[in-house]
Each structure stands twice: as structure tokens, then as C-alpha cells.
N, C-alpha and C. Protein backbone atom coordinates (compact mmCIF):
# COMPACT_ATOMS: atom_id res chain seq x y z
N MET A 1 12.10 -29.93 -100.87
CA MET A 1 11.94 -29.26 -99.61
C MET A 1 12.43 -30.16 -98.52
N SER A 2 13.14 -29.68 -97.64
CA SER A 2 13.63 -30.52 -96.50
C SER A 2 12.56 -30.83 -95.49
N THR A 3 12.88 -31.66 -94.63
CA THR A 3 11.95 -31.99 -93.48
C THR A 3 11.65 -30.77 -92.64
N ALA A 4 12.74 -30.06 -92.33
CA ALA A 4 12.59 -28.81 -91.54
C ALA A 4 11.71 -27.73 -92.29
N GLU A 5 11.90 -27.56 -93.65
CA GLU A 5 11.08 -26.72 -94.32
C GLU A 5 9.61 -27.10 -94.38
N ARG A 6 9.44 -28.36 -94.56
CA ARG A 6 7.94 -28.81 -94.49
C ARG A 6 7.41 -28.66 -93.11
N ARG A 7 8.19 -28.83 -92.10
CA ARG A 7 7.66 -28.74 -90.68
C ARG A 7 7.22 -27.29 -90.47
N PHE A 8 8.08 -26.34 -90.94
CA PHE A 8 7.92 -25.04 -90.85
C PHE A 8 6.59 -24.51 -91.51
N VAL A 9 6.37 -25.08 -92.64
CA VAL A 9 5.14 -24.80 -93.43
C VAL A 9 4.00 -25.25 -92.67
N THR A 10 4.14 -26.43 -92.06
CA THR A 10 3.04 -27.00 -91.27
C THR A 10 2.66 -26.27 -90.12
N GLU A 11 3.74 -25.76 -89.36
CA GLU A 11 3.53 -24.98 -88.17
C GLU A 11 2.91 -23.54 -88.55
N ILE A 12 3.31 -23.00 -89.64
CA ILE A 12 2.82 -21.70 -90.11
C ILE A 12 1.22 -21.96 -90.47
N SER A 13 1.01 -22.96 -91.13
CA SER A 13 -0.42 -23.38 -91.69
C SER A 13 -1.27 -23.55 -90.44
N ALA A 14 -0.73 -24.18 -89.33
CA ALA A 14 -1.51 -24.35 -88.21
C ALA A 14 -2.17 -23.12 -87.49
N LEU A 15 -1.43 -22.00 -87.87
CA LEU A 15 -1.97 -20.68 -87.34
C LEU A 15 -3.17 -20.09 -88.01
N ILE A 16 -3.38 -20.66 -89.23
CA ILE A 16 -4.53 -20.18 -90.12
C ILE A 16 -5.78 -20.18 -89.21
N ASP A 17 -6.66 -19.25 -89.29
CA ASP A 17 -7.92 -19.19 -88.59
C ASP A 17 -7.72 -18.98 -87.07
N LYS A 18 -6.59 -18.68 -86.59
CA LYS A 18 -6.31 -18.51 -85.16
C LYS A 18 -5.95 -16.97 -84.98
N THR A 19 -6.11 -16.67 -83.68
CA THR A 19 -5.72 -15.21 -83.26
C THR A 19 -4.19 -15.22 -83.11
N VAL A 20 -3.65 -14.22 -83.93
CA VAL A 20 -2.23 -13.95 -83.72
C VAL A 20 -1.86 -12.47 -83.45
N SER A 21 -0.71 -12.27 -82.91
CA SER A 21 -0.16 -10.97 -82.75
C SER A 21 1.01 -10.76 -83.59
N VAL A 22 1.01 -9.74 -84.47
CA VAL A 22 2.13 -9.56 -85.41
C VAL A 22 3.01 -8.20 -85.01
N LEU A 23 4.13 -8.31 -84.81
CA LEU A 23 4.99 -7.11 -84.60
C LEU A 23 5.78 -6.88 -85.80
N THR A 24 5.60 -5.59 -86.28
CA THR A 24 6.36 -5.26 -87.45
C THR A 24 7.72 -4.63 -87.05
N VAL A 25 8.58 -4.59 -88.16
CA VAL A 25 9.91 -4.14 -87.98
C VAL A 25 10.12 -2.63 -87.52
N ASP A 26 8.81 -1.83 -87.66
CA ASP A 26 8.88 -0.48 -87.27
C ASP A 26 8.17 -0.38 -85.81
N GLY A 27 7.93 -1.51 -85.21
CA GLY A 27 7.46 -1.49 -83.86
C GLY A 27 5.90 -1.44 -83.73
N LYS A 28 5.10 -1.63 -84.86
CA LYS A 28 3.74 -1.60 -84.68
C LYS A 28 3.26 -3.09 -84.36
N THR A 29 2.17 -3.12 -83.67
CA THR A 29 1.61 -4.39 -83.31
C THR A 29 0.17 -4.52 -83.80
N TYR A 30 -0.09 -5.67 -84.44
CA TYR A 30 -1.51 -5.91 -84.96
C TYR A 30 -1.89 -7.34 -84.40
N THR A 31 -3.13 -7.38 -83.86
CA THR A 31 -3.59 -8.55 -83.41
C THR A 31 -4.95 -8.78 -84.09
N GLY A 32 -4.97 -9.97 -84.66
CA GLY A 32 -6.23 -10.44 -85.40
C GLY A 32 -6.20 -11.93 -85.83
N ILE A 33 -7.22 -12.27 -86.70
CA ILE A 33 -7.25 -13.58 -87.11
C ILE A 33 -6.56 -13.73 -88.35
N LEU A 34 -5.57 -14.76 -88.33
CA LEU A 34 -4.67 -14.98 -89.48
C LEU A 34 -5.51 -15.86 -90.45
N VAL A 35 -5.74 -15.25 -91.67
CA VAL A 35 -6.58 -15.91 -92.67
C VAL A 35 -5.71 -16.27 -93.92
N GLY A 36 -4.53 -15.78 -94.02
CA GLY A 36 -3.79 -16.14 -95.06
C GLY A 36 -2.31 -15.79 -94.94
N ILE A 37 -1.40 -16.61 -95.38
CA ILE A 37 0.00 -16.37 -95.27
C ILE A 37 0.76 -16.98 -96.38
N ASP A 38 1.82 -16.32 -96.90
CA ASP A 38 2.62 -16.80 -97.88
C ASP A 38 3.87 -17.37 -97.26
N PRO A 39 4.17 -18.76 -97.18
CA PRO A 39 5.28 -19.32 -96.42
C PRO A 39 6.69 -18.81 -96.90
N GLU A 40 6.68 -18.43 -98.29
CA GLU A 40 7.92 -17.99 -98.89
C GLU A 40 8.39 -16.63 -98.37
N SER A 41 7.24 -15.70 -98.38
CA SER A 41 7.79 -14.21 -98.05
C SER A 41 7.15 -13.88 -96.67
N LEU A 42 6.38 -14.63 -96.10
CA LEU A 42 5.79 -14.35 -94.71
C LEU A 42 4.79 -13.11 -94.84
N SER A 43 4.40 -12.84 -95.98
CA SER A 43 3.29 -11.76 -96.19
C SER A 43 2.13 -12.39 -95.68
N LEU A 44 1.28 -11.61 -95.01
CA LEU A 44 0.09 -12.27 -94.37
C LEU A 44 -1.21 -11.34 -94.30
N CYS A 45 -2.18 -11.90 -94.14
CA CYS A 45 -3.48 -11.16 -94.19
C CYS A 45 -4.29 -11.57 -92.71
N LEU A 46 -4.54 -10.42 -92.08
CA LEU A 46 -5.29 -10.50 -90.79
C LEU A 46 -6.72 -10.00 -91.02
N LEU A 47 -7.74 -10.61 -90.32
CA LEU A 47 -9.05 -10.07 -90.30
C LEU A 47 -9.41 -9.59 -88.95
N ASP A 48 -10.27 -8.64 -88.83
CA ASP A 48 -10.75 -8.08 -87.53
C ASP A 48 -9.45 -7.81 -86.69
N ALA A 49 -8.57 -7.12 -87.23
CA ALA A 49 -7.32 -6.77 -86.50
C ALA A 49 -7.49 -5.56 -85.66
N ARG A 50 -6.66 -5.37 -84.65
CA ARG A 50 -6.62 -4.21 -83.78
C ARG A 50 -5.09 -3.83 -83.75
N ASP A 51 -4.92 -2.51 -83.87
CA ASP A 51 -3.51 -2.00 -83.61
C ASP A 51 -3.29 -1.68 -82.18
N GLN A 52 -2.08 -1.31 -81.92
CA GLN A 52 -1.79 -1.07 -80.41
C GLN A 52 -2.62 0.01 -79.77
N LYS A 53 -3.18 0.86 -80.59
CA LYS A 53 -4.00 1.94 -80.05
C LYS A 53 -5.45 1.41 -79.84
N GLY A 54 -5.76 0.27 -80.27
CA GLY A 54 -7.12 -0.33 -80.18
C GLY A 54 -8.03 -0.13 -81.28
N GLN A 55 -7.41 0.58 -82.36
CA GLN A 55 -8.22 0.83 -83.57
C GLN A 55 -8.41 -0.42 -84.32
N VAL A 56 -9.75 -0.69 -84.72
CA VAL A 56 -10.17 -1.86 -85.41
C VAL A 56 -9.97 -1.73 -86.87
N ILE A 57 -9.35 -2.65 -87.50
CA ILE A 57 -9.06 -2.62 -88.99
C ILE A 57 -9.69 -4.03 -89.42
N PRO A 58 -10.70 -3.94 -90.25
CA PRO A 58 -11.36 -5.03 -90.82
C PRO A 58 -10.61 -6.13 -91.43
N LYS A 59 -9.69 -5.59 -92.29
CA LYS A 59 -8.67 -6.50 -93.14
C LYS A 59 -7.36 -5.75 -93.26
N ILE A 60 -6.27 -6.37 -92.90
CA ILE A 60 -4.99 -5.75 -93.22
C ILE A 60 -3.99 -6.92 -93.84
N VAL A 61 -3.44 -6.46 -94.84
CA VAL A 61 -2.38 -7.24 -95.42
C VAL A 61 -0.97 -6.63 -95.12
N LEU A 62 -0.08 -7.44 -94.62
CA LEU A 62 1.25 -6.94 -94.30
C LEU A 62 2.31 -7.69 -95.18
N SER A 63 3.19 -6.89 -95.71
CA SER A 63 4.27 -7.44 -96.50
C SER A 63 5.20 -8.22 -95.59
N GLY A 64 5.71 -9.35 -95.94
CA GLY A 64 6.52 -10.25 -95.13
C GLY A 64 7.78 -9.48 -94.82
N SER A 65 8.23 -8.55 -95.57
CA SER A 65 9.46 -7.63 -95.33
C SER A 65 9.26 -6.84 -94.11
N ARG A 66 7.90 -6.51 -93.76
CA ARG A 66 7.63 -5.66 -92.51
C ARG A 66 7.42 -6.34 -91.34
N VAL A 67 7.28 -7.83 -91.46
CA VAL A 67 6.93 -8.56 -90.29
C VAL A 67 8.14 -8.96 -89.59
N ALA A 68 8.26 -8.66 -88.29
CA ALA A 68 9.37 -9.04 -87.40
C ALA A 68 9.12 -10.29 -86.63
N GLU A 69 7.74 -10.38 -86.00
CA GLU A 69 7.32 -11.52 -85.32
C GLU A 69 6.00 -11.93 -85.56
N ILE A 70 5.57 -13.16 -85.46
CA ILE A 70 4.32 -13.64 -85.51
C ILE A 70 4.15 -14.41 -84.21
N LEU A 71 3.18 -14.00 -83.31
CA LEU A 71 3.06 -14.62 -81.99
C LEU A 71 1.71 -15.32 -82.01
N SER A 72 1.60 -16.65 -81.63
CA SER A 72 0.46 -17.19 -81.50
C SER A 72 -0.32 -16.82 -80.04
N ILE A 73 -1.55 -16.45 -80.17
CA ILE A 73 -2.14 -16.00 -79.01
C ILE A 73 -2.92 -17.09 -78.33
N GLU A 74 -3.42 -18.02 -79.21
CA GLU A 74 -4.27 -19.22 -78.65
C GLU A 74 -3.33 -20.31 -78.33
N LYS A 75 -3.74 -21.00 -77.28
CA LYS A 75 -2.81 -22.24 -76.95
C LYS A 75 -3.26 -23.27 -77.90
N PRO A 76 -2.31 -23.94 -78.55
CA PRO A 76 -2.77 -24.99 -79.51
C PRO A 76 -3.49 -26.12 -78.79
N PHE A 77 -4.47 -26.71 -79.47
CA PHE A 77 -5.37 -27.80 -78.92
C PHE A 77 -4.32 -29.01 -78.69
N ASP A 78 -4.63 -29.62 -77.52
CA ASP A 78 -3.69 -30.84 -77.10
C ASP A 78 -4.32 -32.10 -77.49
N LEU A 79 -4.16 -32.37 -78.83
CA LEU A 79 -4.78 -33.58 -79.35
C LEU A 79 -4.19 -34.86 -78.76
N LYS A 80 -2.87 -34.86 -78.43
CA LYS A 80 -2.31 -35.91 -77.68
C LYS A 80 -2.93 -36.18 -76.23
N GLY A 81 -3.20 -35.14 -75.51
CA GLY A 81 -3.77 -35.22 -74.29
C GLY A 81 -5.23 -35.81 -74.41
N LEU A 82 -6.04 -35.37 -75.41
CA LEU A 82 -7.32 -35.91 -75.58
C LEU A 82 -7.20 -37.34 -75.95
N ALA A 83 -6.29 -37.80 -76.74
CA ALA A 83 -6.07 -39.18 -77.13
C ALA A 83 -5.78 -40.08 -75.93
N GLU A 84 -4.97 -39.49 -75.07
CA GLU A 84 -4.74 -40.24 -73.80
C GLU A 84 -5.96 -40.43 -72.93
N ARG A 85 -6.71 -39.43 -72.87
CA ARG A 85 -8.02 -39.43 -72.10
C ARG A 85 -8.92 -40.50 -72.76
N LEU A 86 -9.06 -40.38 -74.01
CA LEU A 86 -9.98 -41.49 -74.70
C LEU A 86 -9.36 -42.72 -74.53
N GLU A 87 -8.07 -42.95 -74.49
CA GLU A 87 -7.51 -44.29 -74.36
C GLU A 87 -7.91 -44.95 -72.96
N ARG A 88 -8.15 -44.13 -71.93
CA ARG A 88 -8.65 -44.61 -70.75
C ARG A 88 -10.02 -45.06 -70.75
N VAL A 89 -10.80 -44.55 -71.60
CA VAL A 89 -12.14 -44.90 -71.68
C VAL A 89 -12.43 -46.10 -72.75
N PHE A 90 -11.59 -46.00 -73.80
CA PHE A 90 -11.52 -47.01 -74.86
C PHE A 90 -10.23 -47.63 -75.02
N PRO A 91 -9.76 -48.51 -74.12
CA PRO A 91 -8.49 -49.09 -74.15
C PRO A 91 -8.18 -49.81 -75.50
N LYS A 92 -7.00 -49.52 -76.01
CA LYS A 92 -6.57 -50.22 -77.10
C LYS A 92 -7.43 -49.96 -78.42
N MET A 93 -8.21 -48.91 -78.33
CA MET A 93 -9.15 -48.64 -79.57
C MET A 93 -8.91 -47.24 -80.02
N VAL A 94 -7.81 -46.61 -79.57
CA VAL A 94 -7.53 -45.24 -79.94
C VAL A 94 -6.45 -45.02 -80.85
N LYS A 95 -6.39 -44.42 -82.00
CA LYS A 95 -5.33 -44.15 -82.83
C LYS A 95 -5.23 -42.65 -83.01
N LEU A 96 -3.98 -42.07 -82.69
CA LEU A 96 -3.76 -40.74 -82.82
C LEU A 96 -2.99 -40.37 -84.19
N TYR A 97 -3.45 -39.49 -84.90
CA TYR A 97 -2.85 -38.89 -86.11
C TYR A 97 -2.52 -37.55 -85.88
N GLU A 98 -1.54 -37.29 -85.20
CA GLU A 98 -1.28 -35.95 -84.74
C GLU A 98 -0.95 -34.92 -85.93
N LYS A 99 -0.22 -35.38 -86.88
CA LYS A 99 0.08 -34.49 -88.05
C LYS A 99 -1.16 -34.11 -88.83
N GLU A 100 -1.98 -35.08 -88.94
CA GLU A 100 -3.25 -34.93 -89.75
C GLU A 100 -4.35 -34.26 -88.91
N GLY A 101 -4.21 -34.21 -87.63
CA GLY A 101 -5.01 -33.48 -86.76
C GLY A 101 -6.36 -34.14 -86.36
N PHE A 102 -6.25 -35.43 -86.20
CA PHE A 102 -7.41 -36.18 -85.76
C PHE A 102 -7.09 -37.45 -84.97
N ILE A 103 -8.11 -38.00 -84.35
CA ILE A 103 -8.01 -39.23 -83.52
C ILE A 103 -9.10 -40.26 -84.13
N TRP A 104 -8.76 -41.45 -84.30
CA TRP A 104 -9.78 -42.46 -84.70
C TRP A 104 -10.07 -43.24 -83.40
N VAL A 105 -11.29 -43.48 -83.11
CA VAL A 105 -11.69 -44.28 -81.98
C VAL A 105 -12.46 -45.53 -82.58
N MET A 106 -12.16 -46.70 -82.23
CA MET A 106 -12.85 -47.87 -82.62
C MET A 106 -12.88 -47.95 -84.22
N ASP A 107 -11.90 -47.40 -84.87
CA ASP A 107 -11.84 -47.38 -86.29
C ASP A 107 -13.09 -46.90 -87.05
N ARG A 108 -13.92 -46.01 -86.22
CA ARG A 108 -15.09 -45.52 -86.93
C ARG A 108 -15.63 -44.19 -86.44
N ILE A 109 -14.98 -43.66 -85.46
CA ILE A 109 -15.27 -42.35 -84.88
C ILE A 109 -14.14 -41.45 -85.02
N LYS A 110 -14.37 -40.41 -85.75
CA LYS A 110 -13.15 -39.43 -85.98
C LYS A 110 -13.38 -38.15 -85.08
N VAL A 111 -12.32 -37.71 -84.34
CA VAL A 111 -12.45 -36.68 -83.48
C VAL A 111 -11.34 -35.67 -83.87
N THR A 112 -11.68 -34.43 -83.92
CA THR A 112 -10.64 -33.36 -84.19
C THR A 112 -10.80 -32.37 -83.06
N GLN A 113 -10.05 -31.29 -83.11
CA GLN A 113 -10.04 -30.19 -82.10
C GLN A 113 -11.47 -29.62 -81.97
N ASN A 114 -12.35 -29.95 -82.97
CA ASN A 114 -13.82 -29.39 -83.00
C ASN A 114 -14.73 -30.42 -82.45
N GLY A 115 -14.31 -31.60 -82.07
CA GLY A 115 -15.21 -32.66 -81.48
C GLY A 115 -15.38 -33.77 -82.50
N VAL A 116 -16.32 -34.58 -82.24
CA VAL A 116 -16.68 -35.80 -83.19
C VAL A 116 -17.16 -35.10 -84.57
N VAL A 117 -16.46 -35.52 -85.57
CA VAL A 117 -16.74 -35.09 -86.86
C VAL A 117 -17.32 -36.36 -87.80
N GLU A 118 -17.13 -37.44 -87.27
CA GLU A 118 -17.62 -38.65 -88.04
C GLU A 118 -17.90 -39.72 -87.05
N GLY A 119 -18.98 -40.40 -87.43
CA GLY A 119 -19.32 -41.54 -86.43
C GLY A 119 -20.70 -41.14 -85.74
N THR A 120 -21.56 -42.24 -85.42
CA THR A 120 -22.74 -41.85 -84.70
C THR A 120 -22.98 -43.13 -83.68
N GLY A 121 -24.02 -42.88 -82.91
CA GLY A 121 -24.40 -43.95 -82.06
C GLY A 121 -23.83 -43.66 -80.56
N PRO A 122 -24.18 -44.62 -79.64
CA PRO A 122 -23.76 -44.39 -78.26
C PRO A 122 -22.22 -44.27 -78.10
N ALA A 123 -21.42 -44.95 -78.79
CA ALA A 123 -19.96 -44.81 -78.64
C ALA A 123 -19.53 -43.41 -79.07
N ALA A 124 -20.13 -42.94 -80.11
CA ALA A 124 -19.71 -41.56 -80.65
C ALA A 124 -20.18 -40.56 -79.57
N GLU A 125 -21.33 -40.80 -79.08
CA GLU A 125 -21.81 -39.81 -77.98
C GLU A 125 -20.91 -39.79 -76.75
N ARG A 126 -20.44 -41.08 -76.46
CA ARG A 126 -19.52 -41.19 -75.26
C ARG A 126 -18.16 -40.42 -75.60
N VAL A 127 -17.73 -40.57 -76.72
CA VAL A 127 -16.47 -39.79 -77.18
C VAL A 127 -16.69 -38.42 -77.18
N GLN A 128 -17.93 -37.88 -77.67
CA GLN A 128 -18.07 -36.50 -77.59
C GLN A 128 -18.13 -35.89 -76.16
N LYS A 129 -18.77 -36.72 -75.25
CA LYS A 129 -18.80 -36.34 -73.91
C LYS A 129 -17.33 -36.21 -73.25
N VAL A 130 -16.49 -37.19 -73.61
CA VAL A 130 -15.09 -37.11 -73.13
C VAL A 130 -14.39 -35.84 -73.68
N TYR A 131 -14.64 -35.58 -75.06
CA TYR A 131 -14.20 -34.38 -75.64
C TYR A 131 -14.60 -33.05 -74.97
N GLN A 132 -15.93 -32.97 -74.64
CA GLN A 132 -16.46 -31.79 -74.08
C GLN A 132 -15.85 -31.57 -72.70
N GLN A 133 -15.68 -32.60 -71.88
CA GLN A 133 -15.16 -32.61 -70.49
C GLN A 133 -13.74 -32.11 -70.63
N PHE A 134 -13.00 -32.72 -71.53
CA PHE A 134 -11.60 -32.46 -71.80
C PHE A 134 -11.31 -30.97 -72.26
N VAL A 135 -12.28 -30.40 -73.08
CA VAL A 135 -12.18 -28.95 -73.54
C VAL A 135 -12.52 -28.05 -72.28
N GLN A 136 -13.47 -28.36 -71.46
CA GLN A 136 -13.79 -27.59 -70.33
C GLN A 136 -12.62 -27.60 -69.35
N GLU A 137 -11.93 -28.64 -69.07
CA GLU A 137 -10.82 -28.69 -68.25
C GLU A 137 -9.61 -27.87 -68.78
N MET A 138 -9.37 -27.81 -70.05
CA MET A 138 -8.40 -27.02 -70.69
C MET A 138 -8.62 -25.59 -70.54
N LYS A 139 -9.91 -25.23 -70.57
CA LYS A 139 -10.27 -23.79 -70.45
C LYS A 139 -10.15 -23.39 -69.00
N GLY A 140 -10.02 -24.33 -68.11
CA GLY A 140 -9.88 -24.05 -66.64
C GLY A 140 -11.18 -23.95 -65.98
N GLY A 141 -12.08 -24.69 -66.45
CA GLY A 141 -13.38 -24.71 -65.74
C GLY A 141 -13.98 -26.03 -65.82
């Protein structure tokens, strides 16, 4: 598999559990949570989907041959921006692992787009506060 193919699969995989809008070749639109996708065929499964008429469909599986476009509705989490913010609070103690989706602070506190997932104590609490402030700002509040 080439680097471009691996990157494509990574990008598609990053959409899992996110809200997407899917346009089909026959002009139908479905918006829902992407819970599964076959990178080969682009066949996919959406949960809690809505069609363009607003009808709710609990689960829909679309054949990749019918999919024209997959649009990300959610803005991706700015892990790099969070790492830069943490770097100001913890100079030279922040390592960003963008592809893996996490940040290490002081080699003992792990932060993902969901907040602090590893580490305890005052430093971890401080990291969590920086994370929460960052998330609030990203939401525009």
C-alpha cells in the first residue's frame, strides 16, 4: 500500500463516530453518525441518519457504488493547536503525536481530543483545565 493509500485510509478512519453527510449518485442526502466504512468499496453504515426530508432512519447501509460524496460535518479537533497552547504552560515538556491522535505532557500525562486520558495529580489537573479552556474557545464561547 502506498503512502497516499495509507493516508486515505487514515483520513476515512478519522470520520468514524463523527457526523457526516453522504450524497448518493441519485441525488439523495443522508446525514448521520458514520459507524463503519469499507475503504476498498466505500460502502458505509450510518446510525441515526436523516434523509433530506427529515425522516429518521435508525441504521442505513449504503453501497459504495451509490456514494457520490462523503462530507465531514464536524470540524476536526485541532490537536496541534492544543499542543501549542500546552507548550506555553509547560515549556519544552510537550510532545505531539498527531498521527496517533494524542499529546504527551511531561512524559506522563496523555491528552486526546477527549481530554486527559492518562496521568493524575496537580499537573494533570492543570492540563485538563487548559484542555477545557481550549475546547470552549474552539466552540466559540
